[in-house]
Amino acid sequence: MSDTATLMDSYTEMTELLLPNDTNNLGRALGGAVLHWMDICGAIAAMRFSNYQCVTASMDHVDFISAIDLGEVAVVEAFVFETGRTSIEVKVDVRAEDPRTGEERETTTSFFTFVALDDDGTPTEVPDLDCPTENQRALRDAARDQRREQLAAVAEKIEENGDE
């Protein structure tokens, strides 16, 4: 294992054409299908980064802010933005694209934690994250800030609901 890996070593983009089997009765993507694609893309990013098999440990809060319609392309992007000793934090973004016009819109974002496993299935150390370019540092910092804001908003909602 290398001591470091770069954010771009992990960068992964997947596309899925939304077909009827992955839609609800309104012709829009099933939330479970979108979450499945996000989990796969995030896991690939974590594996590319660590060079180990990686399993999902957790997924943060998810809001579906825009639907993906039948016939549109779901573009799923993921990259590592933080690491622990055996854990890898991955930001996963999804956007919808009309393949005829090229028009795109954001649909959801979430943050996943993966754990790297050795050949025996035991958690194993992962490389440190290196961001050698300004662009990589900006992506890492934006992901950290966005996750912090998202967690604070969720904590605030929990606190408000606890006061009822």
N, C-alpha and C. Protein backbone atom coordinates (compact mmCIF):
# COMPACT_ATOMS: atom_id res chain seq x y z
N MET A 1 0.84 -1.19 0.00
CA MET A 1 0.00 0.00 0.00
C MET A 1 0.88 1.25 0.00
N SER A 2 0.50 2.20 -0.78
CA SER A 2 1.19 3.49 -0.81
C SER A 2 0.79 4.30 0.43
N ASP A 3 1.67 5.20 0.85
CA ASP A 3 1.38 6.04 2.01
C ASP A 3 0.33 7.09 1.71
N THR A 4 0.27 7.52 0.44
CA THR A 4 -0.72 8.53 0.04
C THR A 4 -1.36 8.16 -1.29
N ALA A 5 -2.53 8.72 -1.52
CA ALA A 5 -3.22 8.65 -2.81
C ALA A 5 -3.90 9.99 -3.00
N THR A 6 -4.13 10.36 -4.23
CA THR A 6 -4.71 11.66 -4.50
C THR A 6 -6.23 11.56 -4.65
N LEU A 7 -6.86 12.70 -4.49
CA LEU A 7 -8.29 12.79 -4.70
C LEU A 7 -8.63 12.28 -6.10
N MET A 8 -7.84 12.66 -7.10
CA MET A 8 -8.14 12.24 -8.47
C MET A 8 -7.92 10.75 -8.69
N ASP A 9 -7.11 10.09 -7.84
CA ASP A 9 -6.99 8.63 -7.93
C ASP A 9 -8.35 7.98 -7.67
N SER A 10 -9.18 8.64 -6.89
CA SER A 10 -10.47 8.08 -6.50
C SER A 10 -11.62 8.50 -7.41
N TYR A 11 -11.43 9.54 -8.19
CA TYR A 11 -12.55 10.13 -8.94
C TYR A 11 -13.23 9.07 -9.82
N THR A 12 -14.55 8.97 -9.68
CA THR A 12 -15.33 8.00 -10.43
C THR A 12 -16.59 8.66 -10.95
N GLU A 13 -16.92 8.37 -12.20
CA GLU A 13 -18.18 8.84 -12.77
C GLU A 13 -18.88 7.66 -13.43
N MET A 14 -20.15 7.48 -13.10
CA MET A 14 -20.99 6.44 -13.70
C MET A 14 -22.19 7.12 -14.34
N THR A 15 -22.72 6.48 -15.36
CA THR A 15 -23.97 6.94 -15.95
C THR A 15 -24.95 5.78 -16.03
N GLU A 16 -26.21 6.12 -15.83
CA GLU A 16 -27.29 5.14 -15.93
C GLU A 16 -28.43 5.78 -16.70
N LEU A 17 -28.90 5.10 -17.74
CA LEU A 17 -30.08 5.55 -18.45
C LEU A 17 -31.29 5.09 -17.66
N LEU A 18 -32.18 6.01 -17.30
CA LEU A 18 -33.33 5.64 -16.49
C LEU A 18 -34.35 4.93 -17.37
N LEU A 19 -34.51 3.64 -17.10
CA LEU A 19 -35.42 2.76 -17.82
C LEU A 19 -36.62 2.42 -16.94
N PRO A 20 -37.68 1.87 -17.52
CA PRO A 20 -38.91 1.61 -16.76
C PRO A 20 -38.73 0.77 -15.49
N ASN A 21 -37.82 -0.20 -15.47
CA ASN A 21 -37.66 -1.04 -14.28
C ASN A 21 -37.19 -0.28 -13.05
N ASP A 22 -36.60 0.90 -13.24
CA ASP A 22 -36.10 1.70 -12.12
C ASP A 22 -36.95 2.94 -11.85
N THR A 23 -38.21 2.91 -12.35
CA THR A 23 -39.08 4.07 -12.15
C THR A 23 -40.30 3.71 -11.30
N ASN A 24 -40.89 4.76 -10.73
CA ASN A 24 -42.15 4.60 -10.01
C ASN A 24 -43.32 4.79 -10.99
N ASN A 25 -44.54 4.83 -10.47
CA ASN A 25 -45.70 4.96 -11.36
C ASN A 25 -45.85 6.34 -11.97
N LEU A 26 -44.99 7.28 -11.60
CA LEU A 26 -44.97 8.61 -12.21
C LEU A 26 -43.89 8.74 -13.28
N GLY A 27 -43.15 7.64 -13.53
CA GLY A 27 -42.09 7.68 -14.53
C GLY A 27 -40.83 8.37 -14.04
N ARG A 28 -40.63 8.36 -12.73
CA ARG A 28 -39.44 8.99 -12.13
C ARG A 28 -38.62 7.94 -11.41
N ALA A 29 -37.34 8.22 -11.25
CA ALA A 29 -36.43 7.25 -10.63
C ALA A 29 -36.89 6.88 -9.23
N LEU A 30 -36.85 5.58 -8.94
CA LEU A 30 -37.09 5.12 -7.59
C LEU A 30 -35.93 5.58 -6.71
N GLY A 31 -36.24 6.08 -5.52
CA GLY A 31 -35.19 6.51 -4.60
C GLY A 31 -34.20 5.41 -4.31
N GLY A 32 -34.69 4.19 -4.16
CA GLY A 32 -33.81 3.05 -3.88
C GLY A 32 -32.83 2.77 -5.00
N ALA A 33 -33.26 2.97 -6.24
CA ALA A 33 -32.36 2.78 -7.38
C ALA A 33 -31.24 3.82 -7.36
N VAL A 34 -31.62 5.07 -7.07
CA VAL A 34 -30.62 6.15 -7.01
C VAL A 34 -29.62 5.87 -5.88
N LEU A 35 -30.12 5.46 -4.72
CA LEU A 35 -29.22 5.14 -3.61
C LEU A 35 -28.29 3.99 -3.96
N HIS A 36 -28.80 3.00 -4.67
CA HIS A 36 -27.98 1.87 -5.12
C HIS A 36 -26.84 2.35 -6.01
N TRP A 37 -27.16 3.21 -6.99
CA TRP A 37 -26.12 3.73 -7.89
C TRP A 37 -25.09 4.54 -7.10
N MET A 38 -25.56 5.32 -6.14
CA MET A 38 -24.65 6.13 -5.33
C MET A 38 -23.70 5.25 -4.52
N ASP A 39 -24.23 4.18 -3.95
CA ASP A 39 -23.42 3.26 -3.15
C ASP A 39 -22.35 2.59 -4.01
N ILE A 40 -22.73 2.15 -5.19
CA ILE A 40 -21.77 1.50 -6.09
C ILE A 40 -20.68 2.49 -6.51
N CYS A 41 -21.07 3.67 -6.93
CA CYS A 41 -20.08 4.67 -7.38
C CYS A 41 -19.14 5.05 -6.24
N GLY A 42 -19.70 5.25 -5.04
CA GLY A 42 -18.87 5.57 -3.88
C GLY A 42 -17.90 4.46 -3.54
N ALA A 43 -18.37 3.22 -3.61
CA ALA A 43 -17.50 2.07 -3.31
C ALA A 43 -16.36 1.97 -4.32
N ILE A 44 -16.65 2.22 -5.60
CA ILE A 44 -15.59 2.18 -6.61
C ILE A 44 -14.55 3.25 -6.32
N ALA A 45 -15.00 4.45 -5.97
CA ALA A 45 -14.06 5.54 -5.63
C ALA A 45 -13.18 5.13 -4.46
N ALA A 46 -13.79 4.53 -3.42
CA ALA A 46 -13.02 4.11 -2.24
C ALA A 46 -12.03 3.01 -2.59
N MET A 47 -12.43 2.07 -3.44
CA MET A 47 -11.53 0.98 -3.83
C MET A 47 -10.39 1.49 -4.71
N ARG A 48 -10.69 2.39 -5.62
CA ARG A 48 -9.63 2.97 -6.46
C ARG A 48 -8.60 3.71 -5.60
N PHE A 49 -9.11 4.38 -4.56
CA PHE A 49 -8.24 5.15 -3.69
C PHE A 49 -7.35 4.24 -2.85
N SER A 50 -7.93 3.21 -2.27
CA SER A 50 -7.22 2.39 -1.28
C SER A 50 -6.55 1.14 -1.85
N ASN A 51 -7.01 0.70 -3.03
CA ASN A 51 -6.56 -0.57 -3.61
C ASN A 51 -6.95 -1.76 -2.75
N TYR A 52 -8.06 -1.63 -2.03
CA TYR A 52 -8.63 -2.71 -1.23
C TYR A 52 -10.12 -2.81 -1.51
N GLN A 53 -10.67 -3.98 -1.18
CA GLN A 53 -12.13 -4.10 -1.18
C GLN A 53 -12.65 -3.17 -0.10
N CYS A 54 -13.75 -2.47 -0.38
CA CYS A 54 -14.32 -1.54 0.59
C CYS A 54 -15.80 -1.84 0.78
N VAL A 55 -16.24 -1.72 2.03
CA VAL A 55 -17.65 -1.94 2.34
C VAL A 55 -18.24 -0.67 2.92
N THR A 56 -19.53 -0.50 2.71
CA THR A 56 -20.24 0.68 3.20
C THR A 56 -20.42 0.59 4.70
N ALA A 57 -19.99 1.61 5.41
CA ALA A 57 -20.18 1.68 6.86
C ALA A 57 -21.38 2.58 7.19
N SER A 58 -21.51 3.68 6.45
CA SER A 58 -22.64 4.58 6.70
C SER A 58 -22.85 5.50 5.51
N MET A 59 -24.05 6.07 5.53
CA MET A 59 -24.44 7.04 4.51
C MET A 59 -25.14 8.16 5.25
N ASP A 60 -24.77 9.40 4.97
CA ASP A 60 -25.38 10.54 5.63
C ASP A 60 -26.77 10.81 5.06
N HIS A 61 -27.41 11.80 5.63
CA HIS A 61 -28.73 12.28 5.23
C HIS A 61 -28.80 12.50 3.71
N VAL A 62 -29.95 12.17 3.12
CA VAL A 62 -30.17 12.36 1.69
C VAL A 62 -31.47 13.10 1.46
N ASP A 63 -31.42 14.17 0.67
CA ASP A 63 -32.63 14.85 0.20
C ASP A 63 -32.65 14.73 -1.31
N PHE A 64 -33.78 14.28 -1.84
CA PHE A 64 -33.95 14.24 -3.30
C PHE A 64 -34.53 15.59 -3.70
N ILE A 65 -33.70 16.43 -4.32
CA ILE A 65 -34.12 17.81 -4.60
C ILE A 65 -34.71 17.97 -5.99
N SER A 66 -34.50 16.98 -6.86
CA SER A 66 -35.08 17.02 -8.19
C SER A 66 -35.20 15.59 -8.69
N ALA A 67 -36.29 15.31 -9.40
CA ALA A 67 -36.52 13.96 -9.91
C ALA A 67 -35.67 13.70 -11.15
N ILE A 68 -35.43 12.42 -11.40
CA ILE A 68 -34.83 11.97 -12.65
C ILE A 68 -35.95 11.29 -13.41
N ASP A 69 -36.23 11.76 -14.62
CA ASP A 69 -37.37 11.26 -15.38
C ASP A 69 -36.96 10.15 -16.33
N LEU A 70 -37.94 9.29 -16.63
CA LEU A 70 -37.75 8.20 -17.58
C LEU A 70 -37.09 8.72 -18.85
N GLY A 71 -36.02 8.04 -19.28
CA GLY A 71 -35.30 8.44 -20.48
C GLY A 71 -34.14 9.40 -20.24
N GLU A 72 -34.06 9.96 -19.04
CA GLU A 72 -32.93 10.83 -18.71
C GLU A 72 -31.75 9.97 -18.26
N VAL A 73 -30.59 10.58 -18.27
CA VAL A 73 -29.37 9.92 -17.81
C VAL A 73 -29.06 10.40 -16.40
N ALA A 74 -28.83 9.46 -15.50
CA ALA A 74 -28.36 9.79 -14.17
C ALA A 74 -26.84 9.76 -14.21
N VAL A 75 -26.22 10.87 -13.87
CA VAL A 75 -24.76 10.97 -13.83
C VAL A 75 -24.37 10.99 -12.35
N VAL A 76 -23.60 9.98 -11.95
CA VAL A 76 -23.22 9.82 -10.55
C VAL A 76 -21.72 10.02 -10.45
N GLU A 77 -21.29 10.97 -9.63
CA GLU A 77 -19.86 11.27 -9.46
C GLU A 77 -19.48 11.09 -8.00
N ALA A 78 -18.27 10.56 -7.78
CA ALA A 78 -17.80 10.34 -6.41
C ALA A 78 -16.30 10.59 -6.33
N PHE A 79 -15.88 11.05 -5.14
CA PHE A 79 -14.45 11.20 -4.86
C PHE A 79 -14.22 11.18 -3.36
N VAL A 80 -13.01 10.75 -2.99
CA VAL A 80 -12.61 10.73 -1.59
C VAL A 80 -12.24 12.14 -1.16
N PHE A 81 -12.76 12.56 0.01
CA PHE A 81 -12.42 13.89 0.51
C PHE A 81 -11.80 13.86 1.90
N GLU A 82 -11.76 12.67 2.53
CA GLU A 82 -11.20 12.56 3.88
C GLU A 82 -10.91 11.09 4.16
N THR A 83 -9.93 10.83 5.01
CA THR A 83 -9.64 9.46 5.41
C THR A 83 -9.40 9.39 6.91
N GLY A 84 -9.65 8.20 7.44
CA GLY A 84 -9.29 7.87 8.81
C GLY A 84 -8.21 6.80 8.75
N ARG A 85 -8.10 6.01 9.79
CA ARG A 85 -7.11 4.93 9.78
C ARG A 85 -7.51 3.83 8.80
N THR A 86 -8.76 3.37 8.89
CA THR A 86 -9.26 2.32 7.98
C THR A 86 -10.49 2.80 7.20
N SER A 87 -10.94 4.01 7.47
CA SER A 87 -12.16 4.52 6.84
C SER A 87 -11.85 5.55 5.75
N ILE A 88 -12.79 5.63 4.84
CA ILE A 88 -12.67 6.52 3.68
C ILE A 88 -13.99 7.27 3.53
N GLU A 89 -13.91 8.60 3.53
CA GLU A 89 -15.10 9.44 3.37
C GLU A 89 -15.22 9.84 1.91
N VAL A 90 -16.39 9.61 1.34
CA VAL A 90 -16.61 9.83 -0.10
C VAL A 90 -17.83 10.72 -0.30
N LYS A 91 -17.67 11.75 -1.11
CA LYS A 91 -18.80 12.58 -1.52
C LYS A 91 -19.36 12.00 -2.81
N VAL A 92 -20.68 11.86 -2.87
CA VAL A 92 -21.34 11.34 -4.06
C VAL A 92 -22.42 12.32 -4.49
N ASP A 93 -22.32 12.80 -5.73
CA ASP A 93 -23.29 13.72 -6.32
C ASP A 93 -24.02 13.02 -7.45
N VAL A 94 -25.30 13.36 -7.60
CA VAL A 94 -26.09 12.83 -8.71
C VAL A 94 -26.74 14.01 -9.42
N ARG A 95 -26.69 13.95 -10.74
CA ARG A 95 -27.41 14.95 -11.53
C ARG A 95 -28.14 14.24 -12.66
N ALA A 96 -29.20 14.86 -13.12
CA ALA A 96 -29.98 14.34 -14.24
C ALA A 96 -29.56 15.08 -15.50
N GLU A 97 -29.50 14.34 -16.59
CA GLU A 97 -29.12 14.93 -17.88
C GLU A 97 -30.11 14.50 -18.95
N ASP A 98 -30.59 15.46 -19.70
CA ASP A 98 -31.41 15.14 -20.86
C ASP A 98 -30.45 14.82 -21.99
N PRO A 99 -30.41 13.57 -22.46
CA PRO A 99 -29.41 13.19 -23.46
C PRO A 99 -29.61 13.85 -24.83
N ARG A 100 -30.79 14.40 -25.07
CA ARG A 100 -31.05 15.06 -26.36
C ARG A 100 -30.59 16.50 -26.38
N THR A 101 -30.72 17.18 -25.22
CA THR A 101 -30.39 18.61 -25.18
C THR A 101 -29.09 18.88 -24.43
N GLY A 102 -28.67 17.93 -23.59
CA GLY A 102 -27.49 18.14 -22.76
C GLY A 102 -27.78 18.93 -21.50
N GLU A 103 -29.04 19.36 -21.31
CA GLU A 103 -29.41 20.12 -20.12
C GLU A 103 -29.26 19.24 -18.88
N GLU A 104 -28.68 19.81 -17.81
CA GLU A 104 -28.43 19.07 -16.57
C GLU A 104 -29.00 19.81 -15.38
N ARG A 105 -29.31 19.03 -14.32
CA ARG A 105 -29.72 19.62 -13.05
C ARG A 105 -29.29 18.70 -11.93
N GLU A 106 -28.99 19.29 -10.78
CA GLU A 106 -28.61 18.51 -9.60
C GLU A 106 -29.83 17.78 -9.07
N THR A 107 -29.61 16.54 -8.58
CA THR A 107 -30.73 15.80 -8.01
C THR A 107 -30.49 15.44 -6.55
N THR A 108 -29.29 15.08 -6.17
CA THR A 108 -29.00 14.77 -4.77
C THR A 108 -27.50 14.68 -4.53
N THR A 109 -27.13 14.80 -3.26
CA THR A 109 -25.75 14.64 -2.80
C THR A 109 -25.80 13.92 -1.46
N SER A 110 -24.82 13.07 -1.21
CA SER A 110 -24.67 12.50 0.12
C SER A 110 -23.21 12.17 0.36
N PHE A 111 -22.93 11.84 1.61
CA PHE A 111 -21.59 11.50 2.03
C PHE A 111 -21.61 10.09 2.60
N PHE A 112 -20.70 9.27 2.12
CA PHE A 112 -20.62 7.87 2.53
C PHE A 112 -19.32 7.64 3.28
N THR A 113 -19.35 6.70 4.21
CA THR A 113 -18.14 6.22 4.86
C THR A 113 -17.97 4.76 4.47
N PHE A 114 -16.79 4.43 3.96
CA PHE A 114 -16.44 3.06 3.61
C PHE A 114 -15.29 2.61 4.49
N VAL A 115 -15.18 1.32 4.70
CA VAL A 115 -14.07 0.72 5.43
C VAL A 115 -13.34 -0.22 4.48
N ALA A 116 -12.02 -0.08 4.42
CA ALA A 116 -11.19 -0.94 3.57
C ALA A 116 -10.93 -2.25 4.30
N LEU A 117 -11.02 -3.36 3.55
CA LEU A 117 -10.80 -4.69 4.12
C LEU A 117 -9.66 -5.39 3.42
N ASP A 118 -8.82 -6.08 4.21
CA ASP A 118 -7.74 -6.87 3.61
C ASP A 118 -8.31 -8.20 3.10
N ASP A 119 -7.44 -9.08 2.62
CA ASP A 119 -7.89 -10.34 2.04
C ASP A 119 -8.59 -11.25 3.04
N ASP A 120 -8.38 -11.02 4.33
CA ASP A 120 -9.04 -11.81 5.37
C ASP A 120 -10.36 -11.17 5.84
N GLY A 121 -10.71 -10.03 5.25
CA GLY A 121 -11.93 -9.34 5.64
C GLY A 121 -11.79 -8.50 6.89
N THR A 122 -10.54 -8.19 7.25
CA THR A 122 -10.25 -7.38 8.43
C THR A 122 -10.00 -5.94 8.01
N PRO A 123 -10.57 -4.96 8.74
CA PRO A 123 -10.28 -3.57 8.41
C PRO A 123 -8.77 -3.33 8.33
N THR A 124 -8.36 -2.59 7.30
CA THR A 124 -6.94 -2.36 7.07
C THR A 124 -6.67 -0.88 6.82
N GLU A 125 -5.46 -0.46 7.09
CA GLU A 125 -5.10 0.96 6.95
C GLU A 125 -5.19 1.41 5.50
N VAL A 126 -5.62 2.65 5.34
CA VAL A 126 -5.75 3.25 4.01
C VAL A 126 -4.72 4.36 3.85
N PRO A 127 -4.43 4.72 2.60
CA PRO A 127 -3.49 5.83 2.38
C PRO A 127 -4.03 7.15 2.92
N ASP A 128 -3.15 8.08 3.17
CA ASP A 128 -3.55 9.45 3.48
C ASP A 128 -3.97 10.13 2.19
N LEU A 129 -4.89 11.07 2.30
CA LEU A 129 -5.36 11.82 1.14
C LEU A 129 -4.37 12.92 0.81
N ASP A 130 -3.96 12.97 -0.46
CA ASP A 130 -3.08 14.02 -0.96
C ASP A 130 -3.86 14.80 -2.01
N CYS A 131 -3.84 16.11 -1.91
CA CYS A 131 -4.49 16.99 -2.88
C CYS A 131 -3.43 17.93 -3.45
N PRO A 132 -2.69 17.46 -4.47
CA PRO A 132 -1.54 18.22 -4.94
C PRO A 132 -1.86 19.45 -5.79
N THR A 133 -3.12 19.57 -6.26
CA THR A 133 -3.45 20.73 -7.08
C THR A 133 -4.46 21.61 -6.36
N GLU A 134 -4.55 22.85 -6.77
CA GLU A 134 -5.51 23.78 -6.20
C GLU A 134 -6.93 23.28 -6.42
N ASN A 135 -7.22 22.71 -7.58
CA ASN A 135 -8.55 22.19 -7.89
C ASN A 135 -8.92 21.06 -6.92
N GLN A 136 -7.98 20.15 -6.66
CA GLN A 136 -8.26 19.05 -5.73
C GLN A 136 -8.47 19.57 -4.31
N ARG A 137 -7.66 20.53 -3.90
CA ARG A 137 -7.83 21.12 -2.57
C ARG A 137 -9.19 21.81 -2.45
N ALA A 138 -9.61 22.49 -3.52
CA ALA A 138 -10.90 23.17 -3.52
C ALA A 138 -12.05 22.17 -3.43
N LEU A 139 -11.97 21.06 -4.16
CA LEU A 139 -13.01 20.02 -4.08
C LEU A 139 -13.08 19.42 -2.68
N ARG A 140 -11.90 19.11 -2.10
CA ARG A 140 -11.85 18.55 -0.74
C ARG A 140 -12.46 19.51 0.26
N ASP A 141 -12.04 20.76 0.20
CA ASP A 141 -12.52 21.75 1.16
C ASP A 141 -14.02 22.01 1.02
N ALA A 142 -14.50 22.07 -0.22
CA ALA A 142 -15.94 22.27 -0.44
C ALA A 142 -16.73 21.08 0.10
N ALA A 143 -16.24 19.85 -0.10
CA ALA A 143 -16.92 18.67 0.42
C ALA A 143 -16.94 18.69 1.94
N ARG A 144 -15.83 19.03 2.56
CA ARG A 144 -15.78 19.11 4.03
C ARG A 144 -16.79 20.13 4.55
N ASP A 145 -16.80 21.31 3.91
CA ASP A 145 -17.72 22.37 4.34
C ASP A 145 -19.17 21.96 4.14
N GLN A 146 -19.47 21.36 2.99
CA GLN A 146 -20.84 20.96 2.70
C GLN A 146 -21.31 19.89 3.68
N ARG A 147 -20.44 18.93 3.99
CA ARG A 147 -20.83 17.89 4.95
C ARG A 147 -21.07 18.51 6.33
N ARG A 148 -20.19 19.40 6.75
CA ARG A 148 -20.34 20.05 8.05
C ARG A 148 -21.68 20.79 8.11
N GLU A 149 -22.02 21.53 7.05
CA GLU A 149 -23.28 22.26 7.00
C GLU A 149 -24.48 21.31 7.02
N GLN A 150 -24.38 20.22 6.27
CA GLN A 150 -25.47 19.25 6.22
C GLN A 150 -25.69 18.61 7.59
N LEU A 151 -24.60 18.23 8.25
CA LEU A 151 -24.73 17.62 9.58
C LEU A 151 -25.31 18.60 10.59
N ALA A 152 -24.90 19.86 10.49
CA ALA A 152 -25.44 20.88 11.40
C ALA A 152 -26.93 21.08 11.17
N ALA A 153 -27.37 21.06 9.92
CA ALA A 153 -28.80 21.22 9.61
C ALA A 153 -29.61 20.04 10.14
N VAL A 154 -29.08 18.84 10.01
CA VAL A 154 -29.77 17.66 10.52
C VAL A 154 -29.84 17.72 12.05
N ALA A 155 -28.75 18.10 12.69
CA ALA A 155 -28.74 18.22 14.15
C ALA A 155 -29.76 19.26 14.62
N GLU A 156 -29.87 20.34 13.88
CA GLU A 156 -30.84 21.39 14.22
C GLU A 156 -32.26 20.86 14.11
N LYS A 157 -32.56 20.09 13.06
CA LYS A 157 -33.90 19.50 12.91
C LYS A 157 -34.21 18.56 14.05
N ILE A 158 -33.24 17.77 14.44
CA ILE A 158 -33.43 16.83 15.55
C ILE A 158 -33.71 17.59 16.83
N GLU A 159 -32.95 18.64 17.06
CA GLU A 159 -33.14 19.45 18.26
C GLU A 159 -34.51 20.10 18.28
N GLU A 160 -34.94 20.63 17.12
CA GLU A 160 -36.28 21.26 17.03
C GLU A 160 -37.37 20.24 17.32
N ASN A 161 -37.25 19.04 16.77
CA ASN A 161 -38.26 18.01 16.98
C ASN A 161 -38.26 17.52 18.42
N GLY A 162 -37.12 17.60 19.09
CA GLY A 162 -37.05 17.19 20.48
C GLY A 162 -37.76 18.17 21.41
N ASP A 163 -37.93 19.41 20.96
CA ASP A 163 -38.58 20.45 21.76
C ASP A 163 -40.10 20.36 21.68
N GLU A 164 -40.64 19.53 20.81
CA GLU A 164 -42.11 19.45 20.62
C GLU A 164 -42.75 18.63 21.70
